[in-house]
Amino acid sequence: MTRMCTKRAFTLVELLVVVAIIGTLIGLLLPAVQSARASARRTQCASNMRQVTLGVIQYADAHRGRFPSRSHNEDDVSRKLHWIEQIAPFVESVDAIRRCPDDPLAELRMRGLPGSGEAGADPDHPDPEERFTPKTSFVVNGFLSFDDTVNQGAINNLNRLSARSKTVMLFEKFSDPTVLSSPQKQLEELRAIHFDHTHSPTWFEWYPSRKDRVLRAISGEIQIDRHGNGTHFAYADGHIEWKAGSEIEGWINTGSNFANPAESTR
């Protein structure tokens, strides 16, 4: 007699079990992948920020310590460019380092609003002095006066800093994602008077009676939670530090203006 051999197939239950196991493994793996990607973006942001900071330092060294100017400096036309444009020769004009990978407005800040015809926003504006020039995800500490007018105790020369390793030079600029949904908001963002510098000398005007207003003033200009629950600070000696948002809130509670070079020497 001929023995008939039959092959046993998977049952529906077994197939569902296999699918469930694969789904569980993917679910366990995805957070690790996302965490690794977030860590890579955070590292890239710190690297870009450091290169920009070194560009500012090299600019200052080449100009007897003087920092590049703010974009609205009226005294010298050659120094009306955004400071990120002025340091371009010192960073080989590399656009990629201007942005943080986690900045939702990075592309807007690099491209502006082409074809809009708006002064200060259109890179093809017919008036050369009104043309948009690429900006950055990073913003200057307002205590380091990046123009020729020193006020409110600001310092406009690198050589006048007594503690470079403790003086914050750049922050990560605040970004409101809702800006992307409104052309008018995009225009306002590109024209904002604090686009290239913070108003850090006035952050603590409401301390101690209204600490909530101090926090709003700070978080409205720098992004204190871009990378998880923290952000990067770039110091005047070129190094970068990650600061937790809780640490910044602790400084607010004690009235310590972490942007003030005078505070850093205490």
C-alpha atoms as a PDB file:
ATOM      1  CA  MET A   1       0.000   0.000   0.000  1.00  0.00           C
ATOM      2  CA  THR A   2       1.150   3.498  -0.769  1.00  0.00           C
ATOM      3  CA  ARG A   3       1.419   5.728   2.248  1.00  0.00           C
ATOM      4  CA  MET A   4      -0.022   9.149   1.564  1.00  0.00           C
ATOM      5  CA  CYS A   5       2.046  12.067   3.049  1.00  0.00           C
ATOM      6  CA  THR A   6       0.164  15.207   3.916  1.00  0.00           C
ATOM      7  CA  LYS A   7       1.640  18.588   4.839  1.00  0.00           C
ATOM      8  CA  ARG A   8       0.206  20.318   7.853  1.00  0.00           C
ATOM      9  CA  ALA A   9      -0.648  24.011   7.231  1.00  0.00           C
ATOM     10  CA  PHE A  10      -0.765  26.857   9.748  1.00  0.00           C
ATOM     11  CA  THR A  11      -4.084  27.262  11.446  1.00  0.00           C
ATOM     12  CA  LEU A  12      -5.708  30.686  11.620  1.00  0.00           C
ATOM     13  CA  VAL A  13      -5.039  30.849  15.350  1.00  0.00           C
ATOM     14  CA  GLU A  14      -1.324  30.137  14.867  1.00  0.00           C
ATOM     15  CA  LEU A  15      -1.099  32.795  12.158  1.00  0.00           C
ATOM     16  CA  LEU A  16      -2.763  35.350  14.386  1.00  0.00           C
ATOM     17  CA  VAL A  17      -0.352  34.506  17.211  1.00  0.00           C
ATOM     18  CA  VAL A  18       2.642  35.058  14.905  1.00  0.00           C
ATOM     19  CA  VAL A  19       1.222  38.397  13.720  1.00  0.00           C
ATOM     20  CA  ALA A  20       0.625  39.439  17.325  1.00  0.00           C
ATOM     21  CA  ILE A  21       4.198  38.557  18.291  1.00  0.00           C
ATOM     22  CA  ILE A  22       5.603  40.541  15.350  1.00  0.00           C
ATOM     23  CA  GLY A  23       3.379  43.485  16.216  1.00  0.00           C
ATOM     24  CA  THR A  24       4.564  43.404  19.830  1.00  0.00           C
ATOM     25  CA  LEU A  25       8.214  43.325  18.765  1.00  0.00           C
ATOM     26  CA  ILE A  26       7.688  46.270  16.428  1.00  0.00           C
ATOM     27  CA  GLY A  27       5.930  48.147  19.217  1.00  0.00           C
ATOM     28  CA  LEU A  28       8.898  47.551  21.503  1.00  0.00           C
ATOM     29  CA  LEU A  29      11.387  48.524  18.821  1.00  0.00           C
ATOM     30  CA  LEU A  30       9.785  51.765  17.588  1.00  0.00           C
ATOM     31  CA  PRO A  31      10.365  53.815  20.786  1.00  0.00           C
ATOM     32  CA  ALA A  32      14.030  52.814  20.732  1.00  0.00           C
ATOM     33  CA  VAL A  33      14.335  53.849  17.076  1.00  0.00           C
ATOM     34  CA  GLN A  34      12.544  57.141  17.717  1.00  0.00           C
ATOM     35  CA  SER A  35      14.745  57.796  20.740  1.00  0.00           C
ATOM     36  CA  ALA A  36      17.870  57.124  18.677  1.00  0.00           C
ATOM     37  CA  ARG A  37      16.683  59.497  15.965  1.00  0.00           C
ATOM     38  CA  ALA A  38      15.851  62.205  18.505  1.00  0.00           C
ATOM     39  CA  SER A  39      19.288  61.783  20.056  1.00  0.00           C
ATOM     40  CA  ALA A  40      20.902  62.104  16.615  1.00  0.00           C
ATOM     41  CA  ARG A  41      18.961  65.304  15.876  1.00  0.00           C
ATOM     42  CA  ARG A  42      19.906  66.728  19.252  1.00  0.00           C
ATOM     43  CA  THR A  43      23.577  65.935  18.632  1.00  0.00           C
ATOM     44  CA  GLN A  44      23.391  67.500  15.167  1.00  0.00           C
ATOM     45  CA  CYS A  45      21.808  70.640  16.612  1.00  0.00           C
ATOM     46  CA  ALA A  46      24.588  70.967  19.197  1.00  0.00           C
ATOM     47  CA  SER A  47      27.213  70.472  16.487  1.00  0.00           C
ATOM     48  CA  ASN A  48      25.640  73.118  14.230  1.00  0.00           C
ATOM     49  CA  MET A  49      25.307  75.528  17.117  1.00  0.00           C
ATOM     50  CA  ARG A  50      28.934  75.068  18.068  1.00  0.00           C
ATOM     51  CA  GLN A  51      30.127  75.782  14.531  1.00  0.00           C
ATOM     52  CA  VAL A  52      28.031  78.955  14.402  1.00  0.00           C
ATOM     53  CA  THR A  53      29.406  80.029  17.790  1.00  0.00           C
ATOM     54  CA  LEU A  54      32.975  79.467  16.645  1.00  0.00           C
ATOM     55  CA  GLY A  55      32.156  81.546  13.560  1.00  0.00           C
ATOM     56  CA  VAL A  56      31.083  84.443  15.783  1.00  0.00           C
ATOM     57  CA  ILE A  57      34.256  84.111  17.847  1.00  0.00           C
ATOM     58  CA  GLN A  58      36.439  84.074  14.726  1.00  0.00           C
ATOM     59  CA  TYR A  59      34.610  87.134  13.394  1.00  0.00           C
ATOM     60  CA  ALA A  60      35.255  88.936  16.672  1.00  0.00           C
ATOM     61  CA  ASP A  61      38.920  87.931  16.688  1.00  0.00           C
ATOM     62  CA  ALA A  62      39.266  89.363  13.182  1.00  0.00           C
ATOM     63  CA  HIS A  63      37.606  92.654  14.203  1.00  0.00           C
ATOM     64  CA  ARG A  64      39.491  93.435  17.422  1.00  0.00           C
ATOM     65  CA  GLY A  65      36.891  91.715  19.536  1.00  0.00           C
ATOM     66  CA  ARG A  66      33.860  93.483  18.058  1.00  0.00           C
ATOM     67  CA  PHE A  67      30.809  91.285  17.562  1.00  0.00           C
ATOM     68  CA  PRO A  68      28.851  91.264  14.287  1.00  0.00           C
ATOM     69  CA  SER A  69      25.949  93.708  14.329  1.00  0.00           C
ATOM     70  CA  ARG A  70      22.218  93.351  14.573  1.00  0.00           C
ATOM     71  CA  SER A  71      20.306  93.518  11.312  1.00  0.00           C
ATOM     72  CA  HIS A  72      18.670  96.839  12.213  1.00  0.00           C
ATOM     73  CA  ASN A  73      21.878  98.716  12.932  1.00  0.00           C
ATOM     74  CA  GLU A  74      21.502 102.082  11.165  1.00  0.00           C
ATOM     75  CA  ASP A  75      25.018 103.490  11.527  1.00  0.00           C
ATOM     76  CA  ASP A  76      26.862 101.398   8.981  1.00  0.00           C
ATOM     77  CA  VAL A  77      25.185  99.902   5.902  1.00  0.00           C
ATOM     78  CA  SER A  78      27.844  97.199   5.691  1.00  0.00           C
ATOM     79  CA  ARG A  79      26.798  96.047   9.167  1.00  0.00           C
ATOM     80  CA  LYS A  80      23.009  95.985   8.610  1.00  0.00           C
ATOM     81  CA  LEU A  81      23.074  92.357   7.556  1.00  0.00           C
ATOM     82  CA  HIS A  82      21.801  89.763   9.997  1.00  0.00           C
ATOM     83  CA  TRP A  83      24.755  88.630  12.099  1.00  0.00           C
ATOM     84  CA  ILE A  84      24.514  85.096  10.650  1.00  0.00           C
ATOM     85  CA  GLU A  85      25.284  86.576   7.222  1.00  0.00           C
ATOM     86  CA  GLN A  86      28.269  88.518   8.532  1.00  0.00           C
ATOM     87  CA  ILE A  87      29.947  85.407   9.931  1.00  0.00           C
ATOM     88  CA  ALA A  88      29.395  83.419   6.698  1.00  0.00           C
ATOM     89  CA  PRO A  89      33.039  83.761   5.534  1.00  0.00           C
ATOM     90  CA  PHE A  90      34.175  82.257   8.830  1.00  0.00           C
ATOM     91  CA  VAL A  91      31.979  79.153   8.482  1.00  0.00           C
ATOM     92  CA  GLU A  92      32.605  78.661   4.751  1.00  0.00           C
ATOM     93  CA  SER A  93      29.075  79.924   3.987  1.00  0.00           C
ATOM     94  CA  VAL A  94      27.604  76.544   4.952  1.00  0.00           C
ATOM     95  CA  ASP A  95      23.817  76.965   5.156  1.00  0.00           C
ATOM     96  CA  ALA A  96      23.190  73.613   6.849  1.00  0.00           C
ATOM     97  CA  ILE A  97      24.723  74.691  10.149  1.00  0.00           C
ATOM     98  CA  ARG A  98      22.302  77.598  10.488  1.00  0.00           C
ATOM     99  CA  ARG A  99      19.426  75.338  11.408  1.00  0.00           C
ATOM    100  CA  CYS A 100      18.414  72.942  14.146  1.00  0.00           C
ATOM    101  CA  PRO A 101      16.922  69.685  12.784  1.00  0.00           C
ATOM    102  CA  ASP A 102      14.126  69.956  15.370  1.00  0.00           C
ATOM    103  CA  ASP A 103      13.221  73.563  14.521  1.00  0.00           C
ATOM    104  CA  PRO A 104       9.797  73.503  12.771  1.00  0.00           C
ATOM    105  CA  LEU A 105      10.459  76.964  11.300  1.00  0.00           C
ATOM    106  CA  ALA A 106      13.969  76.229  10.050  1.00  0.00           C
ATOM    107  CA  GLU A 107      12.924  76.077   6.400  1.00  0.00           C
ATOM    108  CA  LEU A 108      10.945  79.331   6.624  1.00  0.00           C
ATOM    109  CA  ARG A 109      13.895  81.044   8.273  1.00  0.00           C
ATOM    110  CA  MET A 110      16.175  79.864   5.501  1.00  0.00           C
ATOM    111  CA  ARG A 111      13.944  80.530   2.462  1.00  0.00           C
ATOM    112  CA  GLY A 112      11.737  83.426   3.508  1.00  0.00           C
ATOM    113  CA  LEU A 113       8.640  83.999   1.351  1.00  0.00           C
ATOM    114  CA  PRO A 114       9.798  83.904  -2.297  1.00  0.00           C
ATOM    115  CA  GLY A 115       7.468  85.683  -4.702  1.00  0.00           C
ATOM    116  CA  SER A 116       5.504  87.425  -1.936  1.00  0.00           C
ATOM    117  CA  GLY A 117       6.829  90.870  -2.847  1.00  0.00           C
ATOM    118  CA  GLU A 118       7.012  91.675   0.870  1.00  0.00           C
ATOM    119  CA  ALA A 119       9.897  93.779   2.137  1.00  0.00           C
ATOM    120  CA  GLY A 120      12.136  91.845   4.493  1.00  0.00           C
ATOM    121  CA  ALA A 121      10.554  88.538   3.512  1.00  0.00           C
ATOM    122  CA  ASP A 122      10.984  88.124  -0.249  1.00  0.00           C
ATOM    123  CA  PRO A 123      14.523  87.119  -1.329  1.00  0.00           C
ATOM    124  CA  ASP A 124      13.701  88.480  -4.818  1.00  0.00           C
ATOM    125  CA  HIS A 125      12.361  91.860  -3.710  1.00  0.00           C
ATOM    126  CA  PRO A 126      13.145  94.547  -6.353  1.00  0.00           C
ATOM    127  CA  ASP A 127      14.806  96.766  -3.736  1.00  0.00           C
ATOM    128  CA  PRO A 128      18.123  95.092  -2.765  1.00  0.00           C
ATOM    129  CA  GLU A 129      18.032  96.683   0.677  1.00  0.00           C
ATOM    130  CA  GLU A 130      14.607  95.151   1.354  1.00  0.00           C
ATOM    131  CA  ARG A 131      15.440  91.621   0.240  1.00  0.00           C
ATOM    132  CA  PHE A 132      15.167  88.733   2.658  1.00  0.00           C
ATOM    133  CA  THR A 133      18.426  87.078   3.611  1.00  0.00           C
ATOM    134  CA  PRO A 134      18.564  83.603   5.215  1.00  0.00           C
ATOM    135  CA  LYS A 135      18.318  83.587   8.998  1.00  0.00           C
ATOM    136  CA  THR A 136      18.941  80.879  11.584  1.00  0.00           C
ATOM    137  CA  SER A 137      17.449  78.678  14.318  1.00  0.00           C
ATOM    138  CA  PHE A 138      19.727  80.353  16.848  1.00  0.00           C
ATOM    139  CA  VAL A 139      19.384  83.724  18.530  1.00  0.00           C
ATOM    140  CA  VAL A 140      21.920  86.030  20.172  1.00  0.00           C
ATOM    141  CA  ASN A 141      21.906  86.749  23.892  1.00  0.00           C
ATOM    142  CA  GLY A 142      20.701  90.361  24.155  1.00  0.00           C
ATOM    143  CA  PHE A 143      23.352  91.127  26.770  1.00  0.00           C
ATOM    144  CA  LEU A 144      25.983  90.703  24.066  1.00  0.00           C
ATOM    145  CA  SER A 145      25.155  93.785  22.049  1.00  0.00           C
ATOM    146  CA  PHE A 146      25.609  92.730  18.441  1.00  0.00           C
ATOM    147  CA  ASP A 147      25.547  96.335  17.244  1.00  0.00           C
ATOM    148  CA  ASP A 148      27.464  99.551  17.820  1.00  0.00           C
ATOM    149  CA  THR A 149      25.189 100.935  20.515  1.00  0.00           C
ATOM    150  CA  VAL A 150      25.690  99.524  23.977  1.00  0.00           C
ATOM    151  CA  ASN A 151      22.737  99.918  26.331  1.00  0.00           C
ATOM    152  CA  GLN A 152      21.309  98.334  29.451  1.00  0.00           C
ATOM    153  CA  GLY A 153      24.721  97.073  30.484  1.00  0.00           C
ATOM    154  CA  ALA A 154      25.254  95.092  27.289  1.00  0.00           C
ATOM    155  CA  ILE A 155      28.728  94.210  26.014  1.00  0.00           C
ATOM    156  CA  ASN A 156      29.636  94.575  22.338  1.00  0.00           C
ATOM    157  CA  ASN A 157      33.179  93.216  22.439  1.00  0.00           C
ATOM    158  CA  LEU A 158      34.352  89.650  23.045  1.00  0.00           C
ATOM    159  CA  ASN A 159      37.521  90.881  24.767  1.00  0.00           C
ATOM    160  CA  ARG A 160      35.458  92.598  27.453  1.00  0.00           C
ATOM    161  CA  LEU A 161      33.947  89.349  28.698  1.00  0.00           C
ATOM    162  CA  SER A 162      35.557  88.341  31.968  1.00  0.00           C
ATOM    163  CA  ALA A 163      34.260  84.752  31.962  1.00  0.00           C
ATOM    164  CA  ARG A 164      33.734  83.446  28.440  1.00  0.00           C
ATOM    165  CA  SER A 165      33.147  79.873  29.564  1.00  0.00           C
ATOM    166  CA  LYS A 166      30.235  81.047  31.716  1.00  0.00           C
ATOM    167  CA  THR A 167      28.718  83.640  29.379  1.00  0.00           C
ATOM    168  CA  VAL A 168      25.892  82.480  27.136  1.00  0.00           C
ATOM    169  CA  MET A 169      26.343  83.707  23.556  1.00  0.00           C
ATOM    170  CA  LEU A 170      23.527  81.937  21.676  1.00  0.00           C
ATOM    171  CA  PHE A 171      20.212  80.303  22.511  1.00  0.00           C
ATOM    172  CA  GLU A 172      17.858  78.170  20.456  1.00  0.00           C
ATOM    173  CA  LYS A 173      15.228  80.534  19.094  1.00  0.00           C
ATOM    174  CA  PHE A 174      11.580  80.024  20.042  1.00  0.00           C
ATOM    175  CA  SER A 175       9.413  78.554  17.287  1.00  0.00           C
ATOM    176  CA  ASP A 176       5.626  78.579  17.127  1.00  0.00           C
ATOM    177  CA  PRO A 177       4.524  75.771  14.751  1.00  0.00           C
ATOM    178  CA  THR A 178       1.161  77.514  14.115  1.00  0.00           C
ATOM    179  CA  VAL A 179       3.086  80.174  12.190  1.00  0.00           C
ATOM    180  CA  LEU A 180       3.270  77.782   9.248  1.00  0.00           C
ATOM    181  CA  SER A 181      -0.517  77.764   8.865  1.00  0.00           C
ATOM    182  CA  SER A 182      -0.800  81.512   8.310  1.00  0.00           C
ATOM    183  CA  PRO A 183       0.963  83.643   5.649  1.00  0.00           C
ATOM    184  CA  GLN A 184       0.458  86.711   7.828  1.00  0.00           C
ATOM    185  CA  LYS A 185       2.078  85.030  10.822  1.00  0.00           C
ATOM    186  CA  GLN A 186       4.973  83.948   8.623  1.00  0.00           C
ATOM    187  CA  LEU A 187       5.493  87.528   7.521  1.00  0.00           C
ATOM    188  CA  GLU A 188       5.350  88.761  11.122  1.00  0.00           C
ATOM    189  CA  GLU A 189       7.833  86.085  12.161  1.00  0.00           C
ATOM    190  CA  LEU A 190      10.363  87.120   9.519  1.00  0.00           C
ATOM    191  CA  ARG A 191       9.975  90.806  10.397  1.00  0.00           C
ATOM    192  CA  ALA A 192      10.065  90.397  14.181  1.00  0.00           C
ATOM    193  CA  ILE A 193      12.405  92.947  15.758  1.00  0.00           C
ATOM    194  CA  HIS A 194      13.873  90.273  18.015  1.00  0.00           C
ATOM    195  CA  PHE A 195      14.492  87.857  15.164  1.00  0.00           C
ATOM    196  CA  ASP A 196      18.248  87.965  15.694  1.00  0.00           C
ATOM    197  CA  HIS A 197      18.529  88.801  19.404  1.00  0.00           C
ATOM    198  CA  THR A 198      16.702  88.294  22.689  1.00  0.00           C
ATOM    199  CA  HIS A 199      15.597  90.974  25.111  1.00  0.00           C
ATOM    200  CA  SER A 200      17.313  89.230  27.984  1.00  0.00           C
ATOM    201  CA  PRO A 201      18.207  92.470  29.853  1.00  0.00           C
ATOM    202  CA  THR A 202      14.458  92.943  30.495  1.00  0.00           C
ATOM    203  CA  TRP A 203      13.462  89.342  31.215  1.00  0.00           C
ATOM    204  CA  PHE A 204      13.420  89.757  34.980  1.00  0.00           C
ATOM    205  CA  GLU A 205      11.649  93.115  35.182  1.00  0.00           C
ATOM    206  CA  TRP A 206       8.634  91.384  36.747  1.00  0.00           C
ATOM    207  CA  TYR A 207      10.621  89.445  39.341  1.00  0.00           C
ATOM    208  CA  PRO A 208       9.655  88.546  42.057  1.00  0.00           C
ATOM    209  CA  SER A 209       6.010  89.656  41.944  1.00  0.00           C
ATOM    210  CA  ARG A 210       5.165  87.947  38.640  1.00  0.00           C
ATOM    211  CA  LYS A 211       7.458  85.002  38.036  1.00  0.00           C
ATOM    212  CA  ASP A 212       4.949  83.676  35.528  1.00  0.00           C
ATOM    213  CA  ARG A 213       5.545  86.750  33.355  1.00  0.00           C
ATOM    214  CA  VAL A 214       9.294  86.221  33.596  1.00  0.00           C
ATOM    215  CA  LEU A 215       8.816  82.670  32.315  1.00  0.00           C
ATOM    216  CA  ARG A 216       6.581  83.876  29.477  1.00  0.00           C
ATOM    217  CA  ALA A 217       9.114  86.509  28.462  1.00  0.00           C
ATOM    218  CA  ILE A 218      11.915  83.929  28.328  1.00  0.00           C
ATOM    219  CA  SER A 219       9.953  81.112  26.679  1.00  0.00           C
ATOM    220  CA  GLY A 220       8.613  83.584  24.111  1.00  0.00           C
ATOM    221  CA  GLU A 221      12.138  84.199  22.822  1.00  0.00           C
ATOM    222  CA  ILE A 222      14.089  80.992  23.433  1.00  0.00           C
ATOM    223  CA  GLN A 223      12.869  77.411  23.078  1.00  0.00           C
ATOM    224  CA  ILE A 224      13.420  75.834  26.480  1.00  0.00           C
ATOM    225  CA  ASP A 225      12.006  72.412  25.527  1.00  0.00           C
ATOM    226  CA  ARG A 226      13.074  71.769  21.933  1.00  0.00           C
ATOM    227  CA  HIS A 227      14.929  68.558  22.737  1.00  0.00           C
ATOM    228  CA  GLY A 228      12.698  66.597  25.048  1.00  0.00           C
ATOM    229  CA  ASN A 229      12.606  68.654  28.198  1.00  0.00           C
ATOM    230  CA  GLY A 230      15.641  70.828  27.545  1.00  0.00           C
ATOM    231  CA  THR A 231      17.598  73.077  25.219  1.00  0.00           C
ATOM    232  CA  HIS A 232      21.151  74.010  24.207  1.00  0.00           C
ATOM    233  CA  PHE A 233      23.134  77.016  25.396  1.00  0.00           C
ATOM    234  CA  ALA A 234      26.211  78.126  23.431  1.00  0.00           C
ATOM    235  CA  TYR A 235      28.930  79.816  25.464  1.00  0.00           C
ATOM    236  CA  ALA A 236      31.415  82.492  24.462  1.00  0.00           C
ATOM    237  CA  ASP A 237      34.363  80.097  24.616  1.00  0.00           C
ATOM    238  CA  GLY A 238      32.729  77.867  21.991  1.00  0.00           C
ATOM    239  CA  HIS A 239      31.365  75.013  24.101  1.00  0.00           C
ATOM    240  CA  ILE A 240      27.731  73.852  24.150  1.00  0.00           C
ATOM    241  CA  GLU A 241      25.710  72.727  27.155  1.00  0.00           C
ATOM    242  CA  TRP A 242      22.300  71.081  27.310  1.00  0.00           C
ATOM    243  CA  LYS A 243      20.082  72.625  29.972  1.00  0.00           C
ATOM    244  CA  ALA A 244      16.934  71.040  31.336  1.00  0.00           C
ATOM    245  CA  GLY A 245      13.809  73.173  31.336  1.00  0.00           C
ATOM    246  CA  SER A 246      13.455  72.506  35.056  1.00  0.00           C
ATOM    247  CA  GLU A 247      16.883  74.050  35.640  1.00  0.00           C
ATOM    248  CA  ILE A 248      15.854  77.196  33.790  1.00  0.00           C
ATOM    249  CA  GLU A 249      12.665  77.394  35.836  1.00  0.00           C
ATOM    250  CA  GLY A 250      14.801  77.039  38.976  1.00  0.00           C
ATOM    251  CA  TRP A 251      16.841  80.088  37.946  1.00  0.00           C
ATOM    252  CA  ILE A 252      13.620  82.015  37.376  1.00  0.00           C
ATOM    253  CA  ASN A 253      12.365  81.108  40.847  1.00  0.00           C
ATOM    254  CA  THR A 254      15.561  82.426  42.428  1.00  0.00           C
ATOM    255  CA  GLY A 255      15.741  85.547  40.263  1.00  0.00           C
ATOM    256  CA  SER A 256      19.004  84.538  38.581  1.00  0.00           C
ATOM    257  CA  ASN A 257      19.239  86.001  35.074  1.00  0.00           C
ATOM    258  CA  PHE A 258      21.354  83.290  33.469  1.00  0.00           C
ATOM    259  CA  ALA A 259      21.874  85.443  30.356  1.00  0.00           C
ATOM    260  CA  ASN A 260      23.620  88.245  32.242  1.00  0.00           C
ATOM    261  CA  PRO A 261      27.436  88.081  32.008  1.00  0.00           C
ATOM    262  CA  ALA A 262      27.616  89.811  35.389  1.00  0.00           C
ATOM    263  CA  GLU A 263      25.644  86.958  36.971  1.00  0.00           C
ATOM    264  CA  SER A 264      28.008  84.380  35.471  1.00  0.00           C
ATOM    265  CA  THR A 265      31.009  85.766  37.351  1.00  0.00           C
ATOM    266  CA  ARG A 266      29.432  85.448  40.795  1.00  0.00           C
END
